[in-house]
Structures are given as structure tokens and as C-alpha cells.
Amino acid sequence: MSSGFKFQKGNRYSVGNRGGGRKSMYKPEYAKIAHKLCLLGKTDAEIGDILGFTEVTINEWKKIHPDFGLALIEGKEIADANVASSLYHRAIGWQQPAKKIMQNNGVPVVVDYTEHFPPDTQAATRWLMNRQPKLWRDRPSEENSDTPTPDKITVEVVDASVEEHGQKDE
């Protein structure tokens, strides 16, 4: 019994959208916006919130629109490199030129000098723990430990009165 109805996939009235679903809300300018947001340290979920979409949509756009995916990758790599550079400089210490404004007999005087920032041991430890985790970690690794593992000792408790008299006093 055929009713003569043929099932068609998609929406035949939709122009330029073969799947028949809703047209993508993606705009090419989103790539530039997302890149800038990545430079500010935003996550994919936060970028989605700012643009008014879900993280799932952002992940789909990364797959479908190569320019958008590359913008996110490049922005995150630049941001991570800047943070790593700042952490490195903080770990080893640095110096930078500075100016101090003072007065001499009521006249402002600008004095150039070099400001010194000492190394930060916490930053150095964090850097080393991330860069060389086998050598620098909070707890020593069992596999890298030079100390031998202690032998298991079993202690048996025996009642002395049973040993002396052959039976326990009651």
C-alpha cells in the first residue's frame, strides 16, 4: 500500500543549507574576537558566554570553520607563552629602567635609575615542577627514589603466663 508520499531528507525550501537544519549563526568576525579573548586568558566556555553561544557551539565552530579554530589556537599559544615568560622572569629576577620624580629647591627633577626585582623562589619551584616533573615534585617518586624500601616486619604478641605455666591463669 503506497500512498505516493516520498520522504525527502532535509528542507526542500531551504536555500544553501543541504542538511535542512537551522543556518549557522557563525560570522567570520567571531574569529578575530575569539583570538583577542584568548589573549585575555578566556576559556572556550567563557568565549561562548561572551559571544552568546554554548561551549558546544564553540567546539563545533572549531571543527567547521578552520579560521576560527586557528584563531583560538594561536591566541591561546600567545597567551600561554606570555605567562610562561613572565613566570620565568619572576623566577630568575629581573631589572628594568625606571624614573623617579623628586624636588630640588622646589623644582621637579626626574632621575633615571634601574629598578631591581629579586628572584622569587616559589615561581622558580613552580617553573621547575612543570618543566622537569621527574626531578622536581612535591613528593618523591617511588620509582626515582634512591632510598631502599623498608622490609615488612611482623610482630607476634605472646602471653608470657601461657609460656611459663603452659596455660593461662584465670
C-alpha atoms as a PDB file:
ATOM      1  CA  MET A   1       0.000   0.000   0.000  1.00  0.00           C
ATOM      2  CA  SER A   2       1.805   3.042  -1.210  1.00  0.00           C
ATOM      3  CA  SER A   3       0.354   6.444  -0.512  1.00  0.00           C
ATOM      4  CA  GLY A   4       2.545   8.061  -3.136  1.00  0.00           C
ATOM      5  CA  PHE A   5       4.390  10.098  -0.485  1.00  0.00           C
ATOM      6  CA  LYS A   6       8.174  10.198  -0.862  1.00  0.00           C
ATOM      7  CA  PHE A   7      10.227  11.047   2.205  1.00  0.00           C
ATOM      8  CA  GLN A   8      12.836  13.716   1.456  1.00  0.00           C
ATOM      9  CA  LYS A   9      15.811  14.371   3.702  1.00  0.00           C
ATOM     10  CA  GLY A  10      16.189  17.984   4.737  1.00  0.00           C
ATOM     11  CA  ASN A  11      14.089  21.009   3.984  1.00  0.00           C
ATOM     12  CA  ARG A  12      13.448  21.392   0.260  1.00  0.00           C
ATOM     13  CA  TYR A  13      12.576  25.060   0.779  1.00  0.00           C
ATOM     14  CA  SER A  14      15.889  25.868   2.454  1.00  0.00           C
ATOM     15  CA  VAL A  15      18.317  27.565   0.095  1.00  0.00           C
ATOM     16  CA  GLY A  16      22.030  26.879   0.575  1.00  0.00           C
ATOM     17  CA  ASN A  17      21.530  24.579   3.542  1.00  0.00           C
ATOM     18  CA  ARG A  18      21.569  20.986   2.299  1.00  0.00           C
ATOM     19  CA  GLY A  19      21.005  19.477   5.740  1.00  0.00           C
ATOM     20  CA  GLY A  20      17.780  21.358   6.148  1.00  0.00           C
ATOM     21  CA  GLY A  21      18.652  22.463   9.689  1.00  0.00           C
ATOM     22  CA  ARG A  22      18.931  25.949  11.019  1.00  0.00           C
ATOM     23  CA  LYS A  23      21.540  28.103   9.317  1.00  0.00           C
ATOM     24  CA  SER A  24      24.754  28.603  11.298  1.00  0.00           C
ATOM     25  CA  MET A  25      24.963  31.736  13.397  1.00  0.00           C
ATOM     26  CA  TYR A  26      28.729  31.888  12.800  1.00  0.00           C
ATOM     27  CA  LYS A  27      30.159  35.146  11.479  1.00  0.00           C
ATOM     28  CA  PRO A  28      33.754  35.489  10.202  1.00  0.00           C
ATOM     29  CA  GLU A  29      34.431  38.372  12.629  1.00  0.00           C
ATOM     30  CA  TYR A  30      33.989  35.901  15.514  1.00  0.00           C
ATOM     31  CA  ALA A  31      37.465  34.524  14.732  1.00  0.00           C
ATOM     32  CA  LYS A  32      39.120  37.883  15.448  1.00  0.00           C
ATOM     33  CA  ILE A  33      37.034  38.421  18.593  1.00  0.00           C
ATOM     34  CA  ALA A  34      37.804  34.912  19.875  1.00  0.00           C
ATOM     35  CA  HIS A  35      41.537  35.436  19.216  1.00  0.00           C
ATOM     36  CA  LYS A  36      41.526  38.610  21.317  1.00  0.00           C
ATOM     37  CA  LEU A  37      39.558  36.888  24.080  1.00  0.00           C
ATOM     38  CA  CYS A  38      42.120  34.046  24.126  1.00  0.00           C
ATOM     39  CA  LEU A  39      44.875  36.627  24.568  1.00  0.00           C
ATOM     40  CA  LEU A  40      42.992  37.762  27.668  1.00  0.00           C
ATOM     41  CA  GLY A  41      43.052  34.199  29.010  1.00  0.00           C
ATOM     42  CA  LYS A  42      39.410  33.322  28.370  1.00  0.00           C
ATOM     43  CA  THR A  43      38.362  29.669  28.102  1.00  0.00           C
ATOM     44  CA  ASP A  44      36.153  28.259  25.337  1.00  0.00           C
ATOM     45  CA  ALA A  45      33.162  28.311  27.702  1.00  0.00           C
ATOM     46  CA  GLU A  46      33.800  31.980  28.585  1.00  0.00           C
ATOM     47  CA  ILE A  47      34.200  32.873  24.901  1.00  0.00           C
ATOM     48  CA  GLY A  48      30.878  31.172  24.222  1.00  0.00           C
ATOM     49  CA  ASP A  49      29.211  33.143  27.023  1.00  0.00           C
ATOM     50  CA  ILE A  50      30.597  36.429  25.707  1.00  0.00           C
ATOM     51  CA  LEU A  51      29.505  35.688  22.131  1.00  0.00           C
ATOM     52  CA  GLY A  52      26.134  34.385  23.337  1.00  0.00           C
ATOM     53  CA  PHE A  53      26.638  30.703  22.458  1.00  0.00           C
ATOM     54  CA  THR A  54      27.363  27.475  24.309  1.00  0.00           C
ATOM     55  CA  GLU A  55      30.759  25.820  24.605  1.00  0.00           C
ATOM     56  CA  VAL A  56      29.383  23.004  22.422  1.00  0.00           C
ATOM     57  CA  THR A  57      28.740  25.528  19.637  1.00  0.00           C
ATOM     58  CA  ILE A  58      32.259  26.943  20.014  1.00  0.00           C
ATOM     59  CA  ASN A  59      33.684  23.409  19.723  1.00  0.00           C
ATOM     60  CA  GLU A  60      31.586  22.763  16.589  1.00  0.00           C
ATOM     61  CA  TRP A  61      32.771  26.015  15.023  1.00  0.00           C
ATOM     62  CA  LYS A  62      36.381  24.972  15.664  1.00  0.00           C
ATOM     63  CA  LYS A  63      35.745  21.851  13.560  1.00  0.00           C
ATOM     64  CA  ILE A  64      33.703  23.500  10.793  1.00  0.00           C
ATOM     65  CA  HIS A  65      35.498  26.848  10.417  1.00  0.00           C
ATOM     66  CA  PRO A  66      39.304  26.420  10.200  1.00  0.00           C
ATOM     67  CA  ASP A  67      39.932  30.156  10.581  1.00  0.00           C
ATOM     68  CA  PHE A  68      38.039  30.161  13.875  1.00  0.00           C
ATOM     69  CA  GLY A  69      39.909  27.107  15.198  1.00  0.00           C
ATOM     70  CA  LEU A  70      43.294  28.594  14.224  1.00  0.00           C
ATOM     71  CA  ALA A  71      42.407  31.916  15.853  1.00  0.00           C
ATOM     72  CA  LEU A  72      41.723  30.111  19.141  1.00  0.00           C
ATOM     73  CA  ILE A  73      44.891  28.007  18.948  1.00  0.00           C
ATOM     74  CA  GLU A  74      47.123  30.970  18.110  1.00  0.00           C
ATOM     75  CA  GLY A  75      45.561  33.210  20.750  1.00  0.00           C
ATOM     76  CA  LYS A  76      45.944  30.573  23.473  1.00  0.00           C
ATOM     77  CA  GLU A  77      49.546  29.814  22.475  1.00  0.00           C
ATOM     78  CA  ILE A  78      50.498  33.501  22.587  1.00  0.00           C
ATOM     79  CA  ALA A  79      48.787  33.965  25.966  1.00  0.00           C
ATOM     80  CA  ASP A  80      50.466  30.850  27.402  1.00  0.00           C
ATOM     81  CA  ALA A  81      53.858  31.981  26.084  1.00  0.00           C
ATOM     82  CA  ASN A  82      53.424  35.412  27.688  1.00  0.00           C
ATOM     83  CA  VAL A  83      52.527  33.862  31.040  1.00  0.00           C
ATOM     84  CA  ALA A  84      55.461  31.436  30.817  1.00  0.00           C
ATOM     85  CA  SER A  85      57.793  34.317  30.021  1.00  0.00           C
ATOM     86  CA  SER A  86      56.504  36.351  32.967  1.00  0.00           C
ATOM     87  CA  LEU A  87      56.821  33.373  35.316  1.00  0.00           C
ATOM     88  CA  TYR A  88      60.362  32.736  34.059  1.00  0.00           C
ATOM     89  CA  HIS A  89      61.411  36.349  34.630  1.00  0.00           C
ATOM     90  CA  ARG A  90      59.865  36.331  38.075  1.00  0.00           C
ATOM     91  CA  ALA A  91      61.691  33.077  38.888  1.00  0.00           C
ATOM     92  CA  ILE A  92      65.136  34.388  37.896  1.00  0.00           C
ATOM     93  CA  GLY A  93      64.645  38.028  38.854  1.00  0.00           C
ATOM     94  CA  TRP A  94      64.904  40.973  36.507  1.00  0.00           C
ATOM     95  CA  GLN A  95      65.641  44.647  36.276  1.00  0.00           C
ATOM     96  CA  GLN A  96      64.045  47.442  34.340  1.00  0.00           C
ATOM     97  CA  PRO A  97      64.651  51.127  33.794  1.00  0.00           C
ATOM     98  CA  ALA A  98      62.529  53.467  35.891  1.00  0.00           C
ATOM     99  CA  LYS A  99      62.140  57.167  36.641  1.00  0.00           C
ATOM    100  CA  LYS A 100      61.787  58.868  39.987  1.00  0.00           C
ATOM    101  CA  ILE A 101      60.414  62.383  40.262  1.00  0.00           C
ATOM    102  CA  MET A 102      61.793  64.473  43.123  1.00  0.00           C
ATOM    103  CA  GLN A 103      62.066  68.121  44.053  1.00  0.00           C
ATOM    104  CA  ASN A 104      65.235  70.157  44.388  1.00  0.00           C
ATOM    105  CA  ASN A 105      64.616  73.648  45.802  1.00  0.00           C
ATOM    106  CA  GLY A 106      61.004  73.491  44.596  1.00  0.00           C
ATOM    107  CA  VAL A 107      61.958  72.448  41.077  1.00  0.00           C
ATOM    108  CA  PRO A 108      60.840  68.983  39.864  1.00  0.00           C
ATOM    109  CA  VAL A 109      63.763  66.758  38.905  1.00  0.00           C
ATOM    110  CA  VAL A 110      63.426  63.477  37.002  1.00  0.00           C
ATOM    111  CA  VAL A 111      66.055  60.895  37.909  1.00  0.00           C
ATOM    112  CA  ASP A 112      66.592  57.778  35.811  1.00  0.00           C
ATOM    113  CA  TYR A 113      67.564  54.591  37.658  1.00  0.00           C
ATOM    114  CA  THR A 114      67.393  50.811  37.335  1.00  0.00           C
ATOM    115  CA  GLU A 115      64.836  49.021  39.469  1.00  0.00           C
ATOM    116  CA  HIS A 116      65.883  45.518  40.571  1.00  0.00           C
ATOM    117  CA  PHE A 117      63.429  42.689  41.276  1.00  0.00           C
ATOM    118  CA  PRO A 118      64.927  39.701  43.134  1.00  0.00           C
ATOM    119  CA  PRO A 119      64.203  36.096  42.113  1.00  0.00           C
ATOM    120  CA  ASP A 120      61.048  34.526  43.536  1.00  0.00           C
ATOM    121  CA  THR A 121      61.681  31.019  44.898  1.00  0.00           C
ATOM    122  CA  GLN A 122      58.002  29.998  44.616  1.00  0.00           C
ATOM    123  CA  ALA A 123      57.961  30.960  40.949  1.00  0.00           C
ATOM    124  CA  ALA A 124      61.226  29.088  40.377  1.00  0.00           C
ATOM    125  CA  THR A 125      59.869  25.982  42.101  1.00  0.00           C
ATOM    126  CA  ARG A 126      56.634  26.093  40.090  1.00  0.00           C
ATOM    127  CA  TRP A 127      58.599  26.536  36.861  1.00  0.00           C
ATOM    128  CA  LEU A 128      60.862  23.588  37.622  1.00  0.00           C
ATOM    129  CA  MET A 129      57.986  21.360  38.793  1.00  0.00           C
ATOM    130  CA  ASN A 130      56.217  21.937  35.468  1.00  0.00           C
ATOM    131  CA  ARG A 131      59.275  21.770  33.228  1.00  0.00           C
ATOM    132  CA  GLN A 132      61.046  18.855  34.940  1.00  0.00           C
ATOM    133  CA  PRO A 133      58.386  16.962  36.895  1.00  0.00           C
ATOM    134  CA  LYS A 134      60.534  13.849  37.401  1.00  0.00           C
ATOM    135  CA  LEU A 135      63.218  15.859  39.190  1.00  0.00           C
ATOM    136  CA  TRP A 136      61.042  18.474  40.914  1.00  0.00           C
ATOM    137  CA  ARG A 137      57.885  17.361  42.645  1.00  0.00           C
ATOM    138  CA  ASP A 138      56.190  17.837  45.991  1.00  0.00           C
ATOM    139  CA  ARG A 139      56.589  14.204  46.991  1.00  0.00           C
ATOM    140  CA  PRO A 140      59.454  11.961  45.985  1.00  0.00           C
ATOM    141  CA  SER A 141      58.573   9.423  43.346  1.00  0.00           C
ATOM    142  CA  GLU A 142      58.769   5.762  44.314  1.00  0.00           C
ATOM    143  CA  GLU A 143      60.417   4.868  41.014  1.00  0.00           C
ATOM    144  CA  ASN A 144      63.119   7.561  41.290  1.00  0.00           C
ATOM    145  CA  SER A 145      63.841   7.078  44.971  1.00  0.00           C
ATOM    146  CA  ASP A 146      67.404   6.080  45.931  1.00  0.00           C
ATOM    147  CA  THR A 147      66.347   5.010  49.414  1.00  0.00           C
ATOM    148  CA  PRO A 148      65.590   1.306  49.752  1.00  0.00           C
ATOM    149  CA  THR A 149      62.071   0.316  50.666  1.00  0.00           C
ATOM    150  CA  PRO A 150      61.811  -0.932  54.258  1.00  0.00           C
ATOM    151  CA  ASP A 151      61.276  -4.649  54.894  1.00  0.00           C
ATOM    152  CA  LYS A 152      57.924  -5.716  56.275  1.00  0.00           C
ATOM    153  CA  ILE A 153      58.222  -6.659  59.941  1.00  0.00           C
ATOM    154  CA  THR A 154      55.703  -8.952  61.605  1.00  0.00           C
ATOM    155  CA  VAL A 155      55.349  -8.786  65.367  1.00  0.00           C
ATOM    156  CA  GLU A 156      53.679 -11.619  67.276  1.00  0.00           C
ATOM    157  CA  VAL A 157      52.401 -10.904  70.783  1.00  0.00           C
ATOM    158  CA  VAL A 158      52.524 -13.883  73.145  1.00  0.00           C
ATOM    159  CA  ASP A 159      51.108 -14.004  76.651  1.00  0.00           C
ATOM    160  CA  ALA A 160      54.070 -14.742  78.989  1.00  0.00           C
ATOM    161  CA  SER A 161      51.948 -16.582  81.572  1.00  0.00           C
ATOM    162  CA  VAL A 162      50.910 -19.147  78.974  1.00  0.00           C
ATOM    163  CA  GLU A 163      54.543 -19.704  78.013  1.00  0.00           C
ATOM    164  CA  GLU A 164      55.720 -20.213  81.631  1.00  0.00           C
ATOM    165  CA  HIS A 165      52.925 -22.386  83.053  1.00  0.00           C
ATOM    166  CA  GLY A 166      51.647 -23.997  79.898  1.00  0.00           C
ATOM    167  CA  GLN A 167      48.235 -22.467  80.492  1.00  0.00           C
ATOM    168  CA  LYS A 168      46.732 -19.132  81.191  1.00  0.00           C
ATOM    169  CA  ASP A 169      45.753 -18.197  84.795  1.00  0.00           C
ATOM    170  CA  GLU A 170      42.118 -17.419  85.159  1.00  0.00           C
END
